[in-house]
């Protein structure tokens, strides 16, 4: 979404849902790699990205813009 465009709250909620899905996917991948020979730094990388995407979803879901 472009910051110059006006969007409804529903647009932000839809975008938040997409980012939350991305976060869940990254977290699922990280969890699936636990207990494997994958280096912990790679698992941590996925977990960190999951957290960042989840935070982005929270920010988007709480954003209220007038149309």
PDB file of N, CA and C in Angstrom:
ATOM      1  N   UNK A   1       0.835  -1.174   0.000  1.00  0.00           N
ATOM      2  CA  UNK A   1       0.000   0.000   0.000  1.00  0.00           C
ATOM      3  C   UNK A   1       0.879   1.236   0.000  1.00  0.00           C
ATOM      4  N   UNK A   2       0.537   2.182  -0.806  1.00  0.00           N
ATOM      5  CA  UNK A   2       1.276   3.430  -0.891  1.00  0.00           C
ATOM      6  C   UNK A   2       0.835   4.375   0.228  1.00  0.00           C
ATOM      7  N   UNK A   3       1.796   5.028   0.891  1.00  0.00           N
ATOM      8  CA  UNK A   3       1.411   5.963   1.954  1.00  0.00           C
ATOM      9  C   UNK A   3       0.673   7.190   1.435  1.00  0.00           C
ATOM     10  N   UNK A   4       0.776   7.468   0.141  1.00  0.00           N
ATOM     11  CA  UNK A   4       0.112   8.635  -0.441  1.00  0.00           C
ATOM     12  C   UNK A   4      -1.361   8.390  -0.732  1.00  0.00           C
ATOM     13  N   UNK A   5      -1.775   7.141  -0.744  1.00  0.00           N
ATOM     14  CA  UNK A   5      -3.160   6.812  -1.059  1.00  0.00           C
ATOM     15  C   UNK A   5      -3.970   6.734   0.230  1.00  0.00           C
ATOM     16  N   UNK A   6      -5.252   7.060   0.111  1.00  0.00           N
ATOM     17  CA  UNK A   6      -6.153   6.920   1.259  1.00  0.00           C
ATOM     18  C   UNK A   6      -6.780   5.537   1.205  1.00  0.00           C
ATOM     19  N   UNK A   7      -6.822   4.898   2.356  1.00  0.00           N
ATOM     20  CA  UNK A   7      -7.365   3.547   2.444  1.00  0.00           C
ATOM     21  C   UNK A   7      -8.345   3.476   3.612  1.00  0.00           C
ATOM     22  N   UNK A   8      -9.295   2.587   3.475  1.00  0.00           N
ATOM     23  CA  UNK A   8     -10.240   2.387   4.562  1.00  0.00           C
ATOM     24  C   UNK A   8      -9.625   1.469   5.616  1.00  0.00           C
ATOM     25  N   UNK A   9     -10.241   1.424   6.778  1.00  0.00           N
ATOM     26  CA  UNK A   9      -9.783   0.530   7.837  1.00  0.00           C
ATOM     27  C   UNK A   9      -9.809  -0.915   7.380  1.00  0.00           C
ATOM     28  N   UNK A  10     -10.780  -1.263   6.536  1.00  0.00           N
ATOM     29  CA  UNK A  10     -10.872  -2.637   6.030  1.00  0.00           C
ATOM     30  C   UNK A  10      -9.652  -2.987   5.194  1.00  0.00           C
ATOM     31  N   UNK A  11      -9.146  -2.009   4.414  1.00  0.00           N
ATOM     32  CA  UNK A  11      -7.933  -2.252   3.627  1.00  0.00           C
ATOM     33  C   UNK A  11      -6.760  -2.586   4.538  1.00  0.00           C
ATOM     34  N   UNK A  12      -6.632  -1.841   5.638  1.00  0.00           N
ATOM     35  CA  UNK A  12      -5.542  -2.085   6.571  1.00  0.00           C
ATOM     36  C   UNK A  12      -5.706  -3.439   7.263  1.00  0.00           C
ATOM     37  N   UNK A  13      -6.933  -3.799   7.570  1.00  0.00           N
ATOM     38  CA  UNK A  13      -7.179  -5.095   8.206  1.00  0.00           C
ATOM     39  C   UNK A  13      -6.857  -6.235   7.255  1.00  0.00           C
ATOM     40  N   UNK A  14      -7.190  -6.085   5.979  1.00  0.00           N
ATOM     41  CA  UNK A  14      -6.845  -7.105   4.983  1.00  0.00           C
ATOM     42  C   UNK A  14      -5.334  -7.250   4.861  1.00  0.00           C
ATOM     43  N   UNK A  15      -4.651  -6.127   4.803  1.00  0.00           N
ATOM     44  CA  UNK A  15      -3.192  -6.137   4.700  1.00  0.00           C
ATOM     45  C   UNK A  15      -2.579  -6.730   5.967  1.00  0.00           C
ATOM     46  N   UNK A  16      -3.145  -6.407   7.112  1.00  0.00           N
ATOM     47  CA  UNK A  16      -2.667  -6.970   8.376  1.00  0.00           C
ATOM     48  C   UNK A  16      -2.828  -8.487   8.376  1.00  0.00           C
ATOM     49  N   UNK A  17      -3.935  -8.963   7.850  1.00  0.00           N
ATOM     50  CA  UNK A  17      -4.154 -10.405   7.768  1.00  0.00           C
ATOM     51  C   UNK A  17      -3.131 -11.091   6.891  1.00  0.00           C
ATOM     52  N   UNK A  18      -2.759 -10.437   5.793  1.00  0.00           N
ATOM     53  CA  UNK A  18      -1.727 -11.007   4.915  1.00  0.00           C
ATOM     54  C   UNK A  18      -0.387 -11.090   5.638  1.00  0.00           C
ATOM     55  N   UNK A  19      -0.012 -10.029   6.335  1.00  0.00           N
ATOM     56  CA  UNK A  19       1.261 -10.040   7.050  1.00  0.00           C
ATOM     57  C   UNK A  19       1.259 -11.057   8.181  1.00  0.00           C
ATOM     58  N   UNK A  20       0.121 -11.219   8.837  1.00  0.00           N
ATOM     59  CA  UNK A  20       0.041 -12.219   9.896  1.00  0.00           C
ATOM     60  C   UNK A  20       0.187 -13.627   9.319  1.00  0.00           C
ATOM     61  N   UNK A  21      -0.372 -13.861   8.144  1.00  0.00           N
ATOM     62  CA  UNK A  21      -0.208 -15.158   7.485  1.00  0.00           C
ATOM     63  C   UNK A  21       1.261 -15.411   7.140  1.00  0.00           C
ATOM     64  N   UNK A  22       1.953 -14.363   6.663  1.00  0.00           N
ATOM     65  CA  UNK A  22       3.383 -14.500   6.373  1.00  0.00           C
ATOM     66  C   UNK A  22       4.143 -14.845   7.654  1.00  0.00           C
ATOM     67  N   UNK A  23       3.800 -14.166   8.742  1.00  0.00           N
ATOM     68  CA  UNK A  23       4.469 -14.408  10.024  1.00  0.00           C
ATOM     69  C   UNK A  23       4.242 -15.843  10.494  1.00  0.00           C
ATOM     70  N   UNK A  24       3.028 -16.302  10.379  1.00  0.00           N
ATOM     71  CA  UNK A  24       2.729 -17.688  10.790  1.00  0.00           C
ATOM     72  C   UNK A  24       3.509 -18.683   9.943  1.00  0.00           C
ATOM     73  N   UNK A  25       3.639 -18.400   8.656  1.00  0.00           N
ATOM     74  CA  UNK A  25       4.409 -19.283   7.777  1.00  0.00           C
ATOM     75  C   UNK A  25       5.871 -19.333   8.179  1.00  0.00           C
ATOM     76  N   UNK A  26       6.460 -18.173   8.467  1.00  0.00           N
ATOM     77  CA  UNK A  26       7.859 -18.135   8.898  1.00  0.00           C
ATOM     78  C   UNK A  26       8.038 -18.850  10.231  1.00  0.00           C
ATOM     79  N   UNK A  27       7.115 -18.626  11.159  1.00  0.00           N
ATOM     80  CA  UNK A  27       7.214 -19.281  12.459  1.00  0.00           C
ATOM     81  C   UNK A  27       7.061 -20.795  12.312  1.00  0.00           C
ATOM     82  N   UNK A  28       6.136 -21.216  11.460  1.00  0.00           N
ATOM     83  CA  UNK A  28       5.966 -22.655  11.219  1.00  0.00           C
ATOM     84  C   UNK A  28       7.223 -23.277  10.638  1.00  0.00           C
ATOM     85  N   UNK A  29       7.864 -22.559   9.727  1.00  0.00           N
ATOM     86  CA  UNK A  29       9.113 -23.060   9.147  1.00  0.00           C
ATOM     87  C   UNK A  29      10.199 -23.175  10.215  1.00  0.00           C
ATOM     88  N   UNK A  30      10.305 -22.159  11.054  1.00  0.00           N
ATOM     89  CA  UNK A  30      11.303 -22.189  12.128  1.00  0.00           C
ATOM     90  C   UNK A  30      11.046 -23.355  13.071  1.00  0.00           C
ATOM     91  N   UNK A  31       9.792 -23.556  13.432  1.00  0.00           N
ATOM     92  CA  UNK A  31       9.458 -24.653  14.346  1.00  0.00           C
ATOM     93  C   UNK A  31       9.731 -26.012  13.720  1.00  0.00           C
ATOM     94  N   UNK A  32       9.479 -26.118  12.423  1.00  0.00           N
ATOM     95  CA  UNK A  32       9.725 -27.391  11.732  1.00  0.00           C
ATOM     96  C   UNK A  32      11.212 -27.725  11.687  1.00  0.00           C
ATOM     97  N   UNK A  33      12.045 -26.701  11.724  1.00  0.00           N
ATOM     98  CA  UNK A  33      13.495 -26.920  11.647  1.00  0.00           C
ATOM     99  C   UNK A  33      14.137 -27.220  12.996  1.00  0.00           C
ATOM    100  N   UNK A  34      13.395 -26.954  14.081  1.00  0.00           N
ATOM    101  CA  UNK A  34      13.934 -27.269  15.399  1.00  0.00           C
ATOM    102  C   UNK A  34      14.211 -28.768  15.488  1.00  0.00           C
ATOM    103  N   UNK A  35      15.335 -29.123  16.060  1.00  0.00           N
ATOM    104  CA  UNK A  35      15.680 -30.533  16.212  1.00  0.00           C
ATOM    105  C   UNK A  35      16.302 -31.147  14.973  1.00  0.00           C
ATOM    106  N   UNK A  36      16.513 -30.344  13.940  1.00  0.00           N
ATOM    107  CA  UNK A  36      17.191 -30.834  12.744  1.00  0.00           C
ATOM    108  C   UNK A  36      18.639 -30.358  12.796  1.00  0.00           C
ATOM    109  N   UNK A  37      19.385 -30.648  11.759  1.00  0.00           N
ATOM    110  CA  UNK A  37      20.781 -30.209  11.708  1.00  0.00           C
ATOM    111  C   UNK A  37      20.924 -28.772  11.207  1.00  0.00           C
ATOM    112  N   UNK A  38      19.799 -28.097  10.982  1.00  0.00           N
ATOM    113  CA  UNK A  38      19.830 -26.693  10.559  1.00  0.00           C
ATOM    114  C   UNK A  38      20.451 -25.850  11.665  1.00  0.00           C
ATOM    115  N   UNK A  39      21.417 -24.999  11.325  1.00  0.00           N
ATOM    116  CA  UNK A  39      22.034 -24.153  12.355  1.00  0.00           C
ATOM    117  C   UNK A  39      20.995 -23.271  13.061  1.00  0.00           C
ATOM    118  N   UNK A  40      21.187 -23.107  14.355  1.00  0.00           N
ATOM    119  CA  UNK A  40      20.256 -22.305  15.144  1.00  0.00           C
ATOM    120  C   UNK A  40      20.146 -20.879  14.618  1.00  0.00           C
ATOM    121  N   UNK A  41      21.227 -20.326  14.057  1.00  0.00           N
ATOM    122  CA  UNK A  41      21.171 -18.957  13.537  1.00  0.00           C
ATOM    123  C   UNK A  41      20.172 -18.850  12.395  1.00  0.00           C
ATOM    124  N   UNK A  42      20.019 -19.902  11.601  1.00  0.00           N
ATOM    125  CA  UNK A  42      19.042 -19.882  10.508  1.00  0.00           C
ATOM    126  C   UNK A  42      17.621 -19.972  11.045  1.00  0.00           C
ATOM    127  N   UNK A  43      17.440 -20.778  12.070  1.00  0.00           N
ATOM    128  CA  UNK A  43      16.121 -20.888  12.699  1.00  0.00           C
ATOM    129  C   UNK A  43      15.769 -19.567  13.371  1.00  0.00           C
ATOM    130  N   UNK A  44      16.747 -18.967  14.039  1.00  0.00           N
ATOM    131  CA  UNK A  44      16.529 -17.671  14.679  1.00  0.00           C
ATOM    132  C   UNK A  44      16.191 -16.582  13.670  1.00  0.00           C
ATOM    133  N   UNK A  45      16.815 -16.648  12.503  1.00  0.00           N
ATOM    134  CA  UNK A  45      16.534 -15.688  11.433  1.00  0.00           C
ATOM    135  C   UNK A  45      15.060 -15.767  11.046  1.00  0.00           C
ATOM    136  N   UNK A  46      14.561 -16.973  10.851  1.00  0.00           N
ATOM    137  CA  UNK A  46      13.141 -17.138  10.506  1.00  0.00           C
ATOM    138  C   UNK A  46      12.234 -16.670  11.640  1.00  0.00           C
ATOM    139  N   UNK A  47      12.609 -16.988  12.864  1.00  0.00           N
ATOM    140  CA  UNK A  47      11.797 -16.576  14.014  1.00  0.00           C
ATOM    141  C   UNK A  47      11.773 -15.054  14.151  1.00  0.00           C
ATOM    142  N   UNK A  48      12.920 -14.405  13.918  1.00  0.00           N
ATOM    143  CA  UNK A  48      12.976 -12.947  13.988  1.00  0.00           C
ATOM    144  C   UNK A  48      12.081 -12.327  12.924  1.00  0.00           C
ATOM    145  N   UNK A  49      12.128 -12.863  11.723  1.00  0.00           N
ATOM    146  CA  UNK A  49      11.294 -12.329  10.651  1.00  0.00           C
ATOM    147  C   UNK A  49       9.811 -12.556  10.945  1.00  0.00           C
ATOM    148  N   UNK A  50       9.492 -13.666  11.561  1.00  0.00           N
ATOM    149  CA  UNK A  50       8.106 -13.916  11.955  1.00  0.00           C
ATOM    150  C   UNK A  50       7.642 -12.848  12.938  1.00  0.00           C
ATOM    151  N   UNK A  51       8.498 -12.518  13.902  1.00  0.00           N
ATOM    152  CA  UNK A  51       8.143 -11.499  14.889  1.00  0.00           C
ATOM    153  C   UNK A  51       7.968 -10.131  14.227  1.00  0.00           C
ATOM    154  N   UNK A  52       8.871  -9.783  13.305  1.00  0.00           N
ATOM    155  CA  UNK A  52       8.764  -8.489  12.627  1.00  0.00           C
ATOM    156  C   UNK A  52       7.481  -8.397  11.798  1.00  0.00           C
ATOM    157  N   UNK A  53       7.134  -9.471  11.121  1.00  0.00           N
ATOM    158  CA  UNK A  53       5.917  -9.468  10.295  1.00  0.00           C
ATOM    159  C   UNK A  53       4.671  -9.418  11.171  1.00  0.00           C
ATOM    160  N   UNK A  54       4.716 -10.092  12.317  1.00  0.00           N
ATOM    161  CA  UNK A  54       3.579 -10.041  13.236  1.00  0.00           C
ATOM    162  C   UNK A  54       3.399  -8.625  13.786  1.00  0.00           C
ATOM    163  N   UNK A  55       4.508  -7.957  14.104  1.00  0.00           N
ATOM    164  CA  UNK A  55       4.423  -6.574  14.580  1.00  0.00           C
ATOM    165  C   UNK A  55       3.878  -5.651  13.495  1.00  0.00           C
ATOM    166  N   UNK A  56       4.281  -5.875  12.267  1.00  0.00           N
ATOM    167  CA  UNK A  56       3.750  -5.071  11.162  1.00  0.00           C
ATOM    168  C   UNK A  56       2.243  -5.277  11.057  1.00  0.00           C
ATOM    169  N   UNK A  57       1.790  -6.517  11.251  1.00  0.00           N
ATOM    170  CA  UNK A  57       0.358  -6.801  11.218  1.00  0.00           C
ATOM    171  C   UNK A  57      -0.375  -6.050  12.323  1.00  0.00           C
ATOM    172  N   UNK A  58       0.218  -5.998  13.506  1.00  0.00           N
ATOM    173  CA  UNK A  58      -0.398  -5.273  14.624  1.00  0.00           C
ATOM    174  C   UNK A  58      -0.497  -3.787  14.298  1.00  0.00           C
ATOM    175  N   UNK A  59       0.579  -3.229  13.765  1.00  0.00           N
ATOM    176  CA  UNK A  59       0.577  -1.804  13.416  1.00  0.00           C
ATOM    177  C   UNK A  59      -0.497  -1.518  12.377  1.00  0.00           C
ATOM    178  N   UNK A  60      -0.567  -2.347  11.353  1.00  0.00           N
ATOM    179  CA  UNK A  60      -1.575  -2.138  10.313  1.00  0.00           C
ATOM    180  C   UNK A  60      -2.994  -2.298  10.852  1.00  0.00           C
ATOM    181  N   UNK A  61      -3.188  -3.257  11.741  1.00  0.00           N
ATOM    182  CA  UNK A  61      -4.539  -3.511  12.251  1.00  0.00           C
ATOM    183  C   UNK A  61      -5.027  -2.402  13.177  1.00  0.00           C
ATOM    184  N   UNK A  62      -4.100  -1.634  13.726  1.00  0.00           N
ATOM    185  CA  UNK A  62      -4.498  -0.558  14.625  1.00  0.00           C
ATOM    186  C   UNK A  62      -4.461   0.808  13.936  1.00  0.00           C
ATOM    187  N   UNK A  63      -4.128   0.820  12.648  1.00  0.00           N
ATOM    188  CA  UNK A  63      -4.076   2.060  11.893  1.00  0.00           C
ATOM    189  C   UNK A  63      -5.491   2.441  11.460  1.00  0.00           C
ATOM    190  N   UNK A  64      -5.855   3.659  11.744  1.00  0.00           N
ATOM    191  CA  UNK A  64      -7.171   4.168  11.346  1.00  0.00           C
ATOM    192  C   UNK A  64      -6.947   5.363  10.450  1.00  0.00           C
ATOM    193  N   UNK A  65      -7.385   5.276   9.243  1.00  0.00           N
ATOM    194  CA  UNK A  65      -7.266   6.394   8.306  1.00  0.00           C
ATOM    195  C   UNK A  65      -8.649   6.776   7.809  1.00  0.00           C
ATOM    196  N   UNK A  66      -8.860   8.043   7.604  1.00  0.00           N
ATOM    197  CA  UNK A  66     -10.139   8.474   7.040  1.00  0.00           C
ATOM    198  C   UNK A  66     -10.069   8.380   5.525  1.00  0.00           C
ATOM    199  N   UNK A  67     -11.203   8.085   4.917  1.00  0.00           N
ATOM    200  CA  UNK A  67     -11.241   7.982   3.458  1.00  0.00           C
ATOM    201  C   UNK A  67     -11.772   9.247   2.851  1.00  0.00           C
TER     202      UNK A  67
END
